[in-house]
Amino acid sequence: MPWQKTREDRRRDSQRYGAAWRRARDAHLRKVNWRCEIRLEGVCTGGATEVDHIEQAENDPGHKRLRAACGPCHKRITAQQGGGYRNKPPRDPPPRPGTAW
């Protein structure tokens, strides 16, 4: 299925998001005291639970350019950057009208 990751995608993700990523993520969240740095008006919850790469992860292999984000802010930013659709299954088609007997 097109939305499932291939073996190559999973291998690349495991290299990119391994132990070094987890250490950088935890260190950054502690550094900003678990507060969202994106702060989008109307969606931000204030408390950060995720970390976003300011640049694409491919361009930041050392995980140096990071910002803490709450879930809603991270989701909105990722969708704006074009990555919000990648791992979602296609939508179901709209229901057809019933047959009149």
Protein backbone atom coordinates (compact mmCIF):
# COMPACT_ATOMS: atom_id res chain seq x y z
CA MET A 1 0.00 0.00 0.00
CA PRO A 2 1.41 3.42 -0.89
CA TRP A 3 1.18 4.94 2.58
CA GLN A 4 3.14 2.15 4.24
CA LYS A 5 6.85 2.59 4.65
CA THR A 6 9.14 0.47 2.55
CA ARG A 7 12.03 -1.49 4.02
CA GLU A 8 14.39 1.24 2.77
CA ASP A 9 12.31 3.97 4.48
CA ARG A 10 12.36 2.06 7.77
CA ARG A 11 16.13 1.54 7.53
CA ARG A 12 16.72 5.23 6.83
CA ASP A 13 14.45 6.23 9.73
CA SER A 14 16.24 3.90 12.13
CA GLN A 15 19.55 5.51 11.17
CA ARG A 16 18.16 9.04 11.42
CA TYR A 17 16.07 8.56 14.58
CA GLY A 18 18.20 6.28 16.71
CA ALA A 19 19.76 6.72 20.14
CA ALA A 20 21.43 10.03 19.18
CA TRP A 21 18.04 11.47 18.25
CA ARG A 22 16.46 10.34 21.53
CA ARG A 23 19.30 11.91 23.53
CA ALA A 24 19.08 15.20 21.57
CA ARG A 25 15.29 15.24 21.91
CA ASP A 26 15.34 14.69 25.68
CA ALA A 27 18.13 17.24 26.18
CA HIS A 28 16.26 19.89 24.20
CA LEU A 29 12.98 19.32 26.04
CA ARG A 30 14.79 19.67 29.38
CA LYS A 31 16.62 22.81 28.14
CA VAL A 32 13.37 24.63 27.34
CA ASN A 33 11.61 23.26 30.45
CA TRP A 34 9.05 21.30 28.41
CA ARG A 35 7.49 24.48 26.90
CA CYS A 36 6.31 24.80 23.30
CA GLU A 37 8.56 27.09 21.26
CA ILE A 38 6.28 27.32 18.22
CA ARG A 39 3.26 28.83 20.02
CA LEU A 40 0.71 28.94 17.18
CA GLU A 41 -2.24 31.05 18.19
CA GLY A 42 -5.44 29.13 18.70
CA VAL A 43 -3.90 25.65 18.73
CA CYS A 44 -0.98 25.71 21.20
CA THR A 45 -1.40 23.88 24.50
CA GLY A 46 1.82 25.32 25.95
CA GLY A 47 3.43 22.11 27.17
CA ALA A 48 5.91 20.50 24.80
CA THR A 49 5.85 16.75 24.31
CA GLU A 50 7.52 16.61 20.88
CA VAL A 51 10.57 18.06 19.16
CA ASP A 52 10.61 19.43 15.62
CA HIS A 53 13.60 19.83 13.31
CA ILE A 54 13.76 23.47 12.18
CA GLU A 55 15.32 22.22 8.96
CA GLN A 56 14.55 18.83 7.49
CA ALA A 57 16.07 15.94 9.40
CA GLU A 58 18.15 15.02 6.33
CA ASN A 59 19.80 18.46 6.51
CA ASP A 60 20.47 18.20 10.26
CA PRO A 61 22.09 14.81 10.91
CA GLY A 62 23.55 16.01 14.23
CA HIS A 63 20.13 17.08 15.55
CA LYS A 64 21.36 20.57 16.45
CA ARG A 65 18.58 22.80 15.05
CA LEU A 66 15.57 21.73 17.09
CA ARG A 67 12.52 23.37 18.65
CA ALA A 68 10.16 21.98 21.26
CA ALA A 69 6.52 21.69 20.27
CA CYS A 70 3.17 20.66 21.68
CA GLY A 71 1.30 18.05 19.65
CA PRO A 72 -1.14 20.41 17.88
CA CYS A 73 1.58 22.90 16.89
CA HIS A 74 3.86 20.13 15.62
CA LYS A 75 1.05 18.56 13.63
CA ARG A 76 0.12 21.90 12.01
CA ILE A 77 3.74 22.82 11.17
CA THR A 78 4.44 19.37 9.70
CA ALA A 79 1.29 19.55 7.57
CA GLN A 80 2.28 23.01 6.30
CA GLN A 81 5.71 21.67 5.36
CA GLY A 82 4.09 18.96 3.28
CA GLY A 83 4.74 15.96 5.50
CA GLY A 84 1.31 15.72 7.06
CA TYR A 85 -0.08 13.38 4.44
CA ARG A 86 2.69 10.81 4.18
CA ASN A 87 1.62 8.18 6.66
CA LYS A 88 -2.14 8.53 6.46
CA PRO A 89 -4.31 6.06 4.58
CA PRO A 90 -6.45 7.44 1.76
CA ARG A 91 -9.87 8.69 2.71
CA ASP A 92 -12.92 6.53 2.14
CA PRO A 93 -15.02 7.58 -0.84
CA PRO A 94 -18.22 9.49 -0.07
CA PRO A 95 -21.28 7.28 0.39
CA ARG A 96 -23.42 6.67 -2.66
CA PRO A 97 -27.09 7.54 -2.55
CA GLY A 98 -29.35 4.58 -1.90
CA THR A 99 -31.24 2.92 -4.71
CA ALA A 100 -34.89 3.93 -4.93
CA TRP A 101 -37.01 0.77 -5.38
